[in-house]
Amino acid sequence: MEQNQRICKKCLYDYISRLDADIKTDESKYQDRLERCKACDSLMNGMCRICGCFVEMRAVIDKNGCPHTTPKW
């Protein structure tokens, strides 16, 4: 059974804004990652169906990568 999950956007952006700058990716790379995630069939309600993460949280951290078997970014 599919459930609609929601995350508070304010909480999400508060979390992202509090991350240390040295672990965050630059804005253009972050936006590119999000665009690639949006085009992926594994995205559902802002979550990656492969790993279960919220893509905005995963994409903002520079060392993270796409969990797809053929990474999108």
C-alpha atoms as a PDB file:
ATOM      1  CA  MET A   1       0.000   0.000   0.000  1.00  0.00           C
ATOM      2  CA  GLU A   2       1.430   3.351  -1.039  1.00  0.00           C
ATOM      3  CA  GLN A   3       1.445   6.090   1.568  1.00  0.00           C
ATOM      4  CA  ASN A   4       1.769   9.793   0.991  1.00  0.00           C
ATOM      5  CA  GLN A   5       4.566  11.009   3.199  1.00  0.00           C
ATOM      6  CA  ARG A   6       5.150  14.661   3.779  1.00  0.00           C
ATOM      7  CA  ILE A   7       8.042  16.526   5.217  1.00  0.00           C
ATOM      8  CA  CYS A   8       7.811  19.988   6.634  1.00  0.00           C
ATOM      9  CA  LYS A   9       9.634  22.181   4.111  1.00  0.00           C
ATOM     10  CA  LYS A  10      10.538  24.633   6.869  1.00  0.00           C
ATOM     11  CA  CYS A  11      12.228  21.831   8.829  1.00  0.00           C
ATOM     12  CA  LEU A  12      14.025  20.624   5.729  1.00  0.00           C
ATOM     13  CA  TYR A  13      15.412  24.044   4.877  1.00  0.00           C
ATOM     14  CA  ASP A  14      16.287  24.757   8.530  1.00  0.00           C
ATOM     15  CA  TYR A  15      18.310  21.521   8.570  1.00  0.00           C
ATOM     16  CA  ILE A  16      20.082  22.430   5.342  1.00  0.00           C
ATOM     17  CA  SER A  17      20.852  25.976   6.492  1.00  0.00           C
ATOM     18  CA  ARG A  18      22.472  24.674   9.700  1.00  0.00           C
ATOM     19  CA  LEU A  19      24.910  22.357   7.946  1.00  0.00           C
ATOM     20  CA  ASP A  20      28.555  23.364   8.090  1.00  0.00           C
ATOM     21  CA  ALA A  21      29.606  25.089   4.893  1.00  0.00           C
ATOM     22  CA  ASP A  22      32.608  22.789   4.540  1.00  0.00           C
ATOM     23  CA  ILE A  23      30.403  19.720   3.998  1.00  0.00           C
ATOM     24  CA  LYS A  24      27.853  21.358   1.680  1.00  0.00           C
ATOM     25  CA  THR A  25      28.170  21.341  -2.072  1.00  0.00           C
ATOM     26  CA  ASP A  26      28.053  24.619  -3.953  1.00  0.00           C
ATOM     27  CA  GLU A  27      24.651  25.940  -5.026  1.00  0.00           C
ATOM     28  CA  SER A  28      24.988  25.219  -8.753  1.00  0.00           C
ATOM     29  CA  LYS A  29      26.026  21.603  -8.117  1.00  0.00           C
ATOM     30  CA  TYR A  30      23.181  21.219  -5.615  1.00  0.00           C
ATOM     31  CA  GLN A  31      20.617  22.507  -8.124  1.00  0.00           C
ATOM     32  CA  ASP A  32      22.029  20.237 -10.841  1.00  0.00           C
ATOM     33  CA  ARG A  33      21.700  17.232  -8.538  1.00  0.00           C
ATOM     34  CA  LEU A  34      18.096  18.119  -7.727  1.00  0.00           C
ATOM     35  CA  GLU A  35      17.230  18.477 -11.420  1.00  0.00           C
ATOM     36  CA  ARG A  36      18.674  15.046 -12.107  1.00  0.00           C
ATOM     37  CA  CYS A  37      16.701  13.583  -9.206  1.00  0.00           C
ATOM     38  CA  LYS A  38      13.489  15.185 -10.479  1.00  0.00           C
ATOM     39  CA  ALA A  39      13.984  13.446 -13.829  1.00  0.00           C
ATOM     40  CA  CYS A  40      14.550  10.040 -12.194  1.00  0.00           C
ATOM     41  CA  ASP A  41      11.830   7.375 -12.100  1.00  0.00           C
ATOM     42  CA  SER A  42      12.920   6.455  -8.565  1.00  0.00           C
ATOM     43  CA  LEU A  43      11.764   9.788  -7.104  1.00  0.00           C
ATOM     44  CA  MET A  44       8.486   9.698  -5.211  1.00  0.00           C
ATOM     45  CA  ASN A  45       7.170  12.585  -3.109  1.00  0.00           C
ATOM     46  CA  GLY A  46      10.662  14.015  -2.687  1.00  0.00           C
ATOM     47  CA  MET A  47      12.092  10.688  -1.559  1.00  0.00           C
ATOM     48  CA  CYS A  48      14.423   8.317  -3.337  1.00  0.00           C
ATOM     49  CA  ARG A  49      12.764   4.915  -3.630  1.00  0.00           C
ATOM     50  CA  ILE A  50      16.181   3.249  -3.824  1.00  0.00           C
ATOM     51  CA  CYS A  51      17.633   4.410  -0.504  1.00  0.00           C
ATOM     52  CA  GLY A  52      14.685   6.125   1.220  1.00  0.00           C
ATOM     53  CA  CYS A  53      16.386   9.489   1.677  1.00  0.00           C
ATOM     54  CA  PHE A  54      14.906  12.905   1.066  1.00  0.00           C
ATOM     55  CA  VAL A  55      16.810  13.908  -2.056  1.00  0.00           C
ATOM     56  CA  GLU A  56      17.230  17.525  -0.984  1.00  0.00           C
ATOM     57  CA  MET A  57      19.096  16.373   2.123  1.00  0.00           C
ATOM     58  CA  ARG A  58      21.249  13.879   0.220  1.00  0.00           C
ATOM     59  CA  ALA A  59      22.073  16.257  -2.630  1.00  0.00           C
ATOM     60  CA  VAL A  60      23.258  19.106  -0.411  1.00  0.00           C
ATOM     61  CA  ILE A  61      26.169  17.155   1.103  1.00  0.00           C
ATOM     62  CA  ASP A  62      29.161  17.240  -1.231  1.00  0.00           C
ATOM     63  CA  LYS A  63      30.507  13.741  -0.510  1.00  0.00           C
ATOM     64  CA  ASN A  64      27.142  12.046  -1.140  1.00  0.00           C
ATOM     65  CA  GLY A  65      26.314  10.424  -4.417  1.00  0.00           C
ATOM     66  CA  CYS A  66      23.307   9.066  -6.194  1.00  0.00           C
ATOM     67  CA  PRO A  67      22.437   5.558  -4.914  1.00  0.00           C
ATOM     68  CA  HIS A  68      21.115   4.369  -8.292  1.00  0.00           C
ATOM     69  CA  THR A  69      22.897   1.351  -9.813  1.00  0.00           C
ATOM     70  CA  THR A  70      23.827   3.715 -12.634  1.00  0.00           C
ATOM     71  CA  PRO A  71      24.366   6.938 -10.648  1.00  0.00           C
ATOM     72  CA  LYS A  72      22.673  10.011 -12.063  1.00  0.00           C
ATOM     73  CA  TRP A  73      25.127  12.347 -10.330  1.00  0.00           C
END
